[in-house]
N, C-alpha and C. Protein backbone atom coordinates (compact mmCIF):
# COMPACT_ATOMS: atom_id res chain seq x y z
N MET A 1 199.34 -16.75 62.58
CA MET A 1 200.08 -16.38 62.30
C MET A 1 201.53 -15.94 63.21
N ASN A 2 201.62 -15.55 63.77
CA ASN A 2 202.15 -14.56 64.69
C ASN A 2 203.76 -15.44 65.39
N ASP A 3 202.32 -16.80 65.76
CA ASP A 3 203.82 -17.75 66.71
C ASP A 3 204.40 -18.78 66.28
N LEU A 4 203.95 -18.84 64.59
CA LEU A 4 204.30 -19.18 63.80
C LEU A 4 206.26 -18.81 63.10
N VAL A 5 206.13 -17.58 63.49
CA VAL A 5 207.17 -16.55 62.89
C VAL A 5 207.87 -16.38 64.18
N GLU A 6 207.14 -16.79 65.11
CA GLU A 6 207.84 -16.46 66.42
C GLU A 6 208.89 -17.72 66.87
N SER A 7 208.81 -18.60 66.56
CA SER A 7 209.42 -19.78 66.41
C SER A 7 210.01 -20.23 65.44
N LEU A 8 210.11 -19.81 63.95
CA LEU A 8 210.65 -19.54 63.18
C LEU A 8 212.33 -19.05 63.34
N LEU A 9 211.90 -17.27 63.88
CA LEU A 9 213.06 -16.64 64.70
C LEU A 9 213.85 -17.89 66.02
N THR A 10 212.97 -17.54 66.28
CA THR A 10 213.91 -18.62 67.91
C THR A 10 214.13 -19.46 67.22
N GLU A 11 213.82 -20.36 66.09
CA GLU A 11 214.46 -22.11 66.16
C GLU A 11 216.15 -21.21 65.36
N PHE A 12 215.76 -20.14 64.28
CA PHE A 12 217.35 -19.28 63.62
C PHE A 12 217.97 -18.83 64.40
N LYS A 13 218.24 -17.86 65.53
CA LYS A 13 218.41 -17.78 66.68
C LYS A 13 219.44 -18.23 66.65
N LYS A 14 218.92 -19.79 67.02
CA LYS A 14 220.14 -21.11 67.58
C LYS A 14 220.95 -21.08 66.64
N GLN A 15 220.87 -21.12 65.57
CA GLN A 15 221.29 -21.81 64.63
C GLN A 15 223.23 -20.18 65.53
N ARG A 16 224.53 -20.89 64.94
CA ARG A 16 225.99 -20.58 65.43
C ARG A 16 226.31 -19.37 64.55
N ILE A 17 226.18 -19.35 63.03
CA ILE A 17 226.64 -19.04 62.42
C ILE A 17 226.39 -18.44 61.39
N ILE A 18 225.51 -17.11 61.72
CA ILE A 18 224.75 -16.72 60.78
C ILE A 18 226.03 -15.61 59.72
N ARG A 19 225.65 -15.00 58.43
CA ARG A 19 226.58 -14.16 58.11
C ARG A 19 225.63 -13.75 57.33
N GLY A 20 226.17 -12.33 56.35
CA GLY A 20 225.82 -11.90 55.83
C GLY A 20 223.93 -11.27 55.63
N ASN A 21 223.52 -10.72 54.85
CA ASN A 21 222.28 -9.94 55.21
C ASN A 21 221.28 -10.57 55.59
N ILE A 22 220.60 -10.69 57.72
CA ILE A 22 220.49 -11.41 58.56
C ILE A 22 218.70 -11.95 57.69
N TYR A 23 218.34 -10.86 57.42
CA TYR A 23 216.86 -10.84 57.36
C TYR A 23 217.04 -11.85 55.65
N ASP A 24 217.52 -11.49 54.63
CA ASP A 24 217.26 -12.76 53.12
C ASP A 24 218.44 -13.47 54.49
N ASN A 25 218.43 -14.35 54.75
CA ASN A 25 219.28 -15.43 55.45
C ASN A 25 217.82 -16.36 56.03
N PHE A 26 217.13 -15.26 57.17
CA PHE A 26 215.62 -15.73 57.44
C PHE A 26 215.24 -16.48 56.36
N MET A 27 215.00 -15.48 55.69
CA MET A 27 213.96 -15.84 54.81
C MET A 27 213.95 -17.09 54.06
N PHE A 28 215.48 -17.81 53.58
CA PHE A 28 216.41 -18.32 53.13
C PHE A 28 215.62 -19.72 54.24
N TYR A 29 216.22 -19.55 55.56
CA TYR A 29 215.91 -20.92 56.58
C TYR A 29 214.44 -21.23 56.68
N SER A 30 213.51 -19.72 56.45
CA SER A 30 212.20 -19.89 56.94
C SER A 30 211.12 -20.69 55.41
N TYR A 31 212.25 -20.40 54.14
CA TYR A 31 211.70 -21.22 53.60
C TYR A 31 212.28 -22.78 52.79
N LYS A 32 213.08 -22.87 53.56
CA LYS A 32 213.63 -24.01 53.69
C LYS A 32 212.75 -25.35 54.43
N VAL A 33 212.89 -24.57 55.78
CA VAL A 33 211.63 -25.75 56.59
C VAL A 33 210.24 -25.47 56.14
N LEU A 34 210.32 -24.67 55.47
CA LEU A 34 208.95 -24.93 55.93
C LEU A 34 208.43 -25.94 53.99
N GLY A 35 209.27 -26.29 54.01
CA GLY A 35 208.96 -26.76 52.70
C GLY A 35 209.55 -27.19 50.91
N ALA A 36 210.58 -26.05 50.79
CA ALA A 36 210.78 -25.72 49.83
C ALA A 36 210.82 -26.37 48.97
N ASN A 37 211.79 -27.85 49.08
CA ASN A 37 212.00 -28.99 47.74
C ASN A 37 210.80 -30.00 47.33
N LYS A 38 209.54 -29.75 48.39
CA LYS A 38 208.12 -30.03 47.63
C LYS A 38 207.09 -29.75 46.76
N ASP A 39 206.55 -30.46 46.36
CA ASP A 39 205.96 -29.87 45.22
C ASP A 39 205.03 -30.31 45.76
N ASP A 40 203.71 -30.17 46.70
CA ASP A 40 202.89 -30.33 47.13
C ASP A 40 201.34 -29.33 47.07
N LYS A 41 200.59 -29.87 47.46
CA LYS A 41 199.31 -29.26 48.05
C LYS A 41 199.05 -27.82 49.30
N TYR A 42 200.47 -27.88 49.55
CA TYR A 42 201.05 -26.63 51.01
C TYR A 42 201.36 -25.89 50.29
N LYS A 43 201.60 -26.01 49.18
CA LYS A 43 202.75 -24.16 48.63
C LYS A 43 201.94 -23.58 48.38
N HIS A 44 200.74 -23.28 48.50
CA HIS A 44 200.07 -22.01 47.94
C HIS A 44 200.05 -21.36 49.78
N THR A 45 200.05 -22.52 50.77
CA THR A 45 200.88 -21.92 52.30
C THR A 45 201.53 -21.21 52.55
N ARG A 46 202.24 -21.94 52.52
CA ARG A 46 203.43 -21.58 52.16
C ARG A 46 204.39 -20.29 51.70
N ALA A 47 203.56 -19.97 50.95
CA ALA A 47 203.80 -18.39 50.02
C ALA A 47 203.03 -18.17 50.59
N SER A 48 202.07 -18.04 51.43
CA SER A 48 200.78 -16.53 51.85
C SER A 48 201.72 -16.72 53.36
N ILE A 49 202.56 -17.54 53.67
CA ILE A 49 202.96 -17.14 55.16
C ILE A 49 204.54 -16.39 54.75
N LEU A 50 205.22 -16.45 53.05
CA LEU A 50 205.86 -16.04 53.05
C LEU A 50 205.72 -14.94 53.26
N ASN A 51 204.93 -13.90 52.00
CA ASN A 51 204.07 -13.05 52.09
C ASN A 51 203.62 -11.92 52.73
N TYR A 52 202.97 -12.76 54.28
CA TYR A 52 203.13 -12.56 55.68
C TYR A 52 204.69 -11.76 55.87
N MET A 53 206.28 -12.65 55.87
CA MET A 53 206.69 -12.44 56.63
C MET A 53 206.96 -11.16 55.66
N THR A 54 207.19 -10.59 54.56
CA THR A 54 207.14 -10.15 53.73
C THR A 54 207.26 -8.32 53.59
N GLN A 55 205.65 -8.34 54.13
CA GLN A 55 204.25 -7.40 55.39
C GLN A 55 205.22 -6.68 55.71
N ASN A 56 205.08 -8.06 56.42
CA ASN A 56 206.05 -7.22 58.13
C ASN A 56 207.80 -7.39 58.41
N LYS A 57 208.72 -6.61 57.37
CA LYS A 57 209.85 -7.42 57.35
C LYS A 57 210.32 -5.83 58.18
N ASN A 58 209.76 -5.22 58.60
CA ASN A 58 210.24 -4.20 59.34
C ASN A 58 210.11 -4.37 60.86
N GLU A 59 208.89 -5.50 61.23
CA GLU A 59 209.59 -6.23 62.52
C GLU A 59 210.08 -6.89 62.53
N ILE A 60 210.37 -7.85 62.02
CA ILE A 60 211.13 -8.96 62.01
C ILE A 60 212.29 -8.43 62.69
N LEU A 61 213.04 -8.01 60.68
CA LEU A 61 214.16 -7.13 61.26
C LEU A 61 214.44 -6.66 62.57
N LEU A 62 213.54 -6.36 63.20
CA LEU A 62 213.67 -5.41 64.79
C LEU A 62 213.75 -7.00 65.65
N LYS A 63 212.99 -7.91 65.46
CA LYS A 63 213.40 -8.49 65.93
C LYS A 63 214.73 -9.67 65.81
N LEU A 64 214.89 -9.76 65.05
CA LEU A 64 215.86 -10.56 64.59
C LEU A 64 217.17 -9.79 65.25
N THR A 65 217.41 -8.68 65.21
CA THR A 65 218.63 -7.57 65.25
C THR A 65 218.87 -7.97 67.16
N ARG A 66 217.74 -7.50 67.33
CA ARG A 66 217.51 -8.10 69.05
C ARG A 66 217.81 -9.02 69.97
N ASP A 67 218.56 -8.84 70.62
CA ASP A 67 219.35 -10.55 71.80
C ASP A 67 217.45 -10.69 72.21
């Protein structure tokens, strides 16, 4: 799970313009990348990944603010 979060973090950091709350923007970005528009059999997996990221908010926020 950490490898997935790390890859999402690196791709998110590659974006040039990041405004507002960086954690909320990252969560929305992750939601979109994980297939937000699809109503498929993987929605429970997507929800568990986002739940994991919510539980580790402080760790992710630290990685987001660090270069």
